[in-house]
Amino acid sequence: MSINAIFLQADASSLSQFLPFIAIIVVFYFFMILPQSRRKKNEKQFRKDLKLGSRVVTSSGIHGKLVEMNNKDRTVIIETSAGKIKFEREAISVELSKKYSVPAKK
């Protein structure tokens, strides 16, 4: 056996040994990393599109209406039945205005 034949056998077997690890990394990327990055992108767009007067729910479950937005320190003031509360913009999780404004079926 020549030295070239030995190196070719070693390369083929080492590649086949790493194939399952490469497949795991690819699957991990498509099922874990890619959806998470899409979700973050959608959340960023959601917070950017918020408007005054929108009915929202915070991540802690407080329902209210957006009455003031401060872009400087990224806070919002939400009016609830108990009064006005100041929150970070990232604390808003759902906009109820869009959720309840489903078009009527014909």
C-alpha atoms as a PDB file:
ATOM      1  CA  MET A   1       0.000   0.000   0.000  1.00  0.00           C
ATOM      2  CA  SER A   2       1.253   3.410  -0.873  1.00  0.00           C
ATOM      3  CA  ILE A   3       1.148   6.457   1.328  1.00  0.00           C
ATOM      4  CA  ASN A   4      -1.427   8.178  -0.925  1.00  0.00           C
ATOM      5  CA  ALA A   5      -3.852   5.282  -0.490  1.00  0.00           C
ATOM      6  CA  ILE A   6      -3.540   5.514   3.302  1.00  0.00           C
ATOM      7  CA  PHE A   7      -4.297   9.264   3.311  1.00  0.00           C
ATOM      8  CA  LEU A   8      -7.304   8.801   0.994  1.00  0.00           C
ATOM      9  CA  GLN A   9      -8.742   6.131   3.299  1.00  0.00           C
ATOM     10  CA  ALA A  10      -8.244   8.353   6.334  1.00  0.00           C
ATOM     11  CA  ASP A  11      -9.970  11.326   4.670  1.00  0.00           C
ATOM     12  CA  ALA A  12     -13.018   9.318   3.596  1.00  0.00           C
ATOM     13  CA  SER A  13     -13.516   7.692   6.980  1.00  0.00           C
ATOM     14  CA  SER A  14     -13.035  10.939   8.939  1.00  0.00           C
ATOM     15  CA  LEU A  15     -15.558  12.716   6.728  1.00  0.00           C
ATOM     16  CA  SER A  16     -18.122   9.980   7.277  1.00  0.00           C
ATOM     17  CA  GLN A  17     -17.518  10.201  11.034  1.00  0.00           C
ATOM     18  CA  PHE A  18     -18.289  13.945  11.084  1.00  0.00           C
ATOM     19  CA  LEU A  19     -21.356  13.710   8.831  1.00  0.00           C
ATOM     20  CA  PRO A  20     -23.821  13.051  11.722  1.00  0.00           C
ATOM     21  CA  PHE A  21     -22.450  16.047  13.646  1.00  0.00           C
ATOM     22  CA  ILE A  22     -22.808  18.272  10.603  1.00  0.00           C
ATOM     23  CA  ALA A  23     -26.377  17.033  10.106  1.00  0.00           C
ATOM     24  CA  ILE A  24     -27.207  17.763  13.750  1.00  0.00           C
ATOM     25  CA  ILE A  25     -25.879  21.313  13.414  1.00  0.00           C
ATOM     26  CA  VAL A  26     -27.922  21.903  10.244  1.00  0.00           C
ATOM     27  CA  VAL A  27     -31.112  20.558  11.853  1.00  0.00           C
ATOM     28  CA  PHE A  28     -30.461  22.619  14.991  1.00  0.00           C
ATOM     29  CA  TYR A  29     -30.070  25.755  12.866  1.00  0.00           C
ATOM     30  CA  PHE A  30     -33.292  25.249  10.891  1.00  0.00           C
ATOM     31  CA  PHE A  31     -35.455  24.212  13.847  1.00  0.00           C
ATOM     32  CA  MET A  32     -34.046  26.396  16.632  1.00  0.00           C
ATOM     33  CA  ILE A  33     -32.004  29.396  15.507  1.00  0.00           C
ATOM     34  CA  LEU A  34     -33.837  30.467  12.337  1.00  0.00           C
ATOM     35  CA  PRO A  35     -37.363  30.527  13.889  1.00  0.00           C
ATOM     36  CA  GLN A  36     -36.062  32.416  16.921  1.00  0.00           C
ATOM     37  CA  SER A  37     -34.467  35.090  14.739  1.00  0.00           C
ATOM     38  CA  ARG A  38     -37.705  35.443  12.742  1.00  0.00           C
ATOM     39  CA  ARG A  39     -39.703  35.777  15.962  1.00  0.00           C
ATOM     40  CA  LYS A  40     -37.372  38.507  17.248  1.00  0.00           C
ATOM     41  CA  LYS A  41     -37.655  40.354  13.937  1.00  0.00           C
ATOM     42  CA  ASN A  42     -41.479  40.203  14.086  1.00  0.00           C
ATOM     43  CA  GLU A  43     -41.533  41.411  17.710  1.00  0.00           C
ATOM     44  CA  LYS A  44     -39.260  44.333  16.848  1.00  0.00           C
ATOM     45  CA  GLN A  45     -41.567  45.308  13.966  1.00  0.00           C
ATOM     46  CA  PHE A  46     -44.628  44.933  16.241  1.00  0.00           C
ATOM     47  CA  ARG A  47     -43.193  47.353  18.809  1.00  0.00           C
ATOM     48  CA  LYS A  48     -42.179  49.762  16.082  1.00  0.00           C
ATOM     49  CA  ASP A  49     -45.728  49.812  14.643  1.00  0.00           C
ATOM     50  CA  LEU A  50     -47.493  50.599  17.946  1.00  0.00           C
ATOM     51  CA  LYS A  51     -49.739  53.658  17.800  1.00  0.00           C
ATOM     52  CA  LEU A  52     -51.423  55.854  20.371  1.00  0.00           C
ATOM     53  CA  GLY A  53     -54.922  54.712  21.270  1.00  0.00           C
ATOM     54  CA  SER A  54     -54.187  51.024  20.685  1.00  0.00           C
ATOM     55  CA  ARG A  55     -55.575  48.571  23.206  1.00  0.00           C
ATOM     56  CA  VAL A  56     -52.680  46.417  24.450  1.00  0.00           C
ATOM     57  CA  VAL A  57     -51.812  43.705  26.963  1.00  0.00           C
ATOM     58  CA  THR A  58     -48.493  43.745  28.800  1.00  0.00           C
ATOM     59  CA  SER A  59     -46.396  40.666  29.488  1.00  0.00           C
ATOM     60  CA  SER A  60     -47.637  40.779  33.093  1.00  0.00           C
ATOM     61  CA  GLY A  61     -51.265  40.624  31.913  1.00  0.00           C
ATOM     62  CA  ILE A  62     -52.354  44.231  32.412  1.00  0.00           C
ATOM     63  CA  HIS A  63     -54.896  45.423  29.835  1.00  0.00           C
ATOM     64  CA  GLY A  64     -55.036  49.053  28.850  1.00  0.00           C
ATOM     65  CA  LYS A  65     -54.930  51.733  26.169  1.00  0.00           C
ATOM     66  CA  LEU A  66     -51.722  53.402  24.994  1.00  0.00           C
ATOM     67  CA  VAL A  67     -51.952  57.103  25.816  1.00  0.00           C
ATOM     68  CA  GLU A  68     -48.328  58.242  25.600  1.00  0.00           C
ATOM     69  CA  MET A  69     -45.118  56.968  23.987  1.00  0.00           C
ATOM     70  CA  ASN A  70     -41.640  58.260  24.787  1.00  0.00           C
ATOM     71  CA  ASN A  71     -39.065  57.303  22.143  1.00  0.00           C
ATOM     72  CA  LYS A  72     -36.202  58.828  24.119  1.00  0.00           C
ATOM     73  CA  ASP A  73     -36.246  56.308  26.972  1.00  0.00           C
ATOM     74  CA  ARG A  74     -38.415  53.715  25.144  1.00  0.00           C
ATOM     75  CA  THR A  75     -41.299  53.796  27.605  1.00  0.00           C
ATOM     76  CA  VAL A  76     -45.067  53.922  27.174  1.00  0.00           C
ATOM     77  CA  ILE A  77     -47.858  55.038  29.457  1.00  0.00           C
ATOM     78  CA  ILE A  78     -50.891  52.773  29.527  1.00  0.00           C
ATOM     79  CA  GLU A  79     -54.257  53.910  30.832  1.00  0.00           C
ATOM     80  CA  THR A  80     -56.109  51.220  32.763  1.00  0.00           C
ATOM     81  CA  SER A  81     -59.307  51.355  34.804  1.00  0.00           C
ATOM     82  CA  ALA A  82     -57.142  51.963  37.907  1.00  0.00           C
ATOM     83  CA  GLY A  83     -55.154  54.831  36.384  1.00  0.00           C
ATOM     84  CA  LYS A  84     -52.064  55.381  34.251  1.00  0.00           C
ATOM     85  CA  ILE A  85     -49.011  53.114  34.476  1.00  0.00           C
ATOM     86  CA  LYS A  86     -45.597  53.584  32.887  1.00  0.00           C
ATOM     87  CA  PHE A  87     -43.997  50.525  31.224  1.00  0.00           C
ATOM     88  CA  GLU A  88     -40.999  49.718  29.090  1.00  0.00           C
ATOM     89  CA  ARG A  89     -41.998  49.314  25.445  1.00  0.00           C
ATOM     90  CA  GLU A  90     -40.664  45.728  25.504  1.00  0.00           C
ATOM     91  CA  ALA A  91     -43.265  44.811  28.157  1.00  0.00           C
ATOM     92  CA  ILE A  92     -46.109  45.044  25.615  1.00  0.00           C
ATOM     93  CA  SER A  93     -46.914  41.585  24.325  1.00  0.00           C
ATOM     94  CA  VAL A  94     -50.219  41.780  22.394  1.00  0.00           C
ATOM     95  CA  GLU A  95     -52.187  44.484  20.639  1.00  0.00           C
ATOM     96  CA  LEU A  96     -55.872  43.793  21.144  1.00  0.00           C
ATOM     97  CA  SER A  97     -56.992  46.349  18.553  1.00  0.00           C
ATOM     98  CA  LYS A  98     -55.751  44.116  15.742  1.00  0.00           C
ATOM     99  CA  LYS A  99     -56.900  40.920  17.435  1.00  0.00           C
ATOM    100  CA  TYR A 100     -60.520  42.044  17.683  1.00  0.00           C
ATOM    101  CA  SER A 101     -60.746  43.860  14.362  1.00  0.00           C
ATOM    102  CA  VAL A 102     -61.278  40.710  12.295  1.00  0.00           C
ATOM    103  CA  PRO A 103     -63.176  41.423   9.062  1.00  0.00           C
ATOM    104  CA  ALA A 104     -66.746  40.138   8.967  1.00  0.00           C
ATOM    105  CA  LYS A 105     -67.477  37.092   6.806  1.00  0.00           C
ATOM    106  CA  LYS A 106     -69.799  37.592   3.859  1.00  0.00           C
END
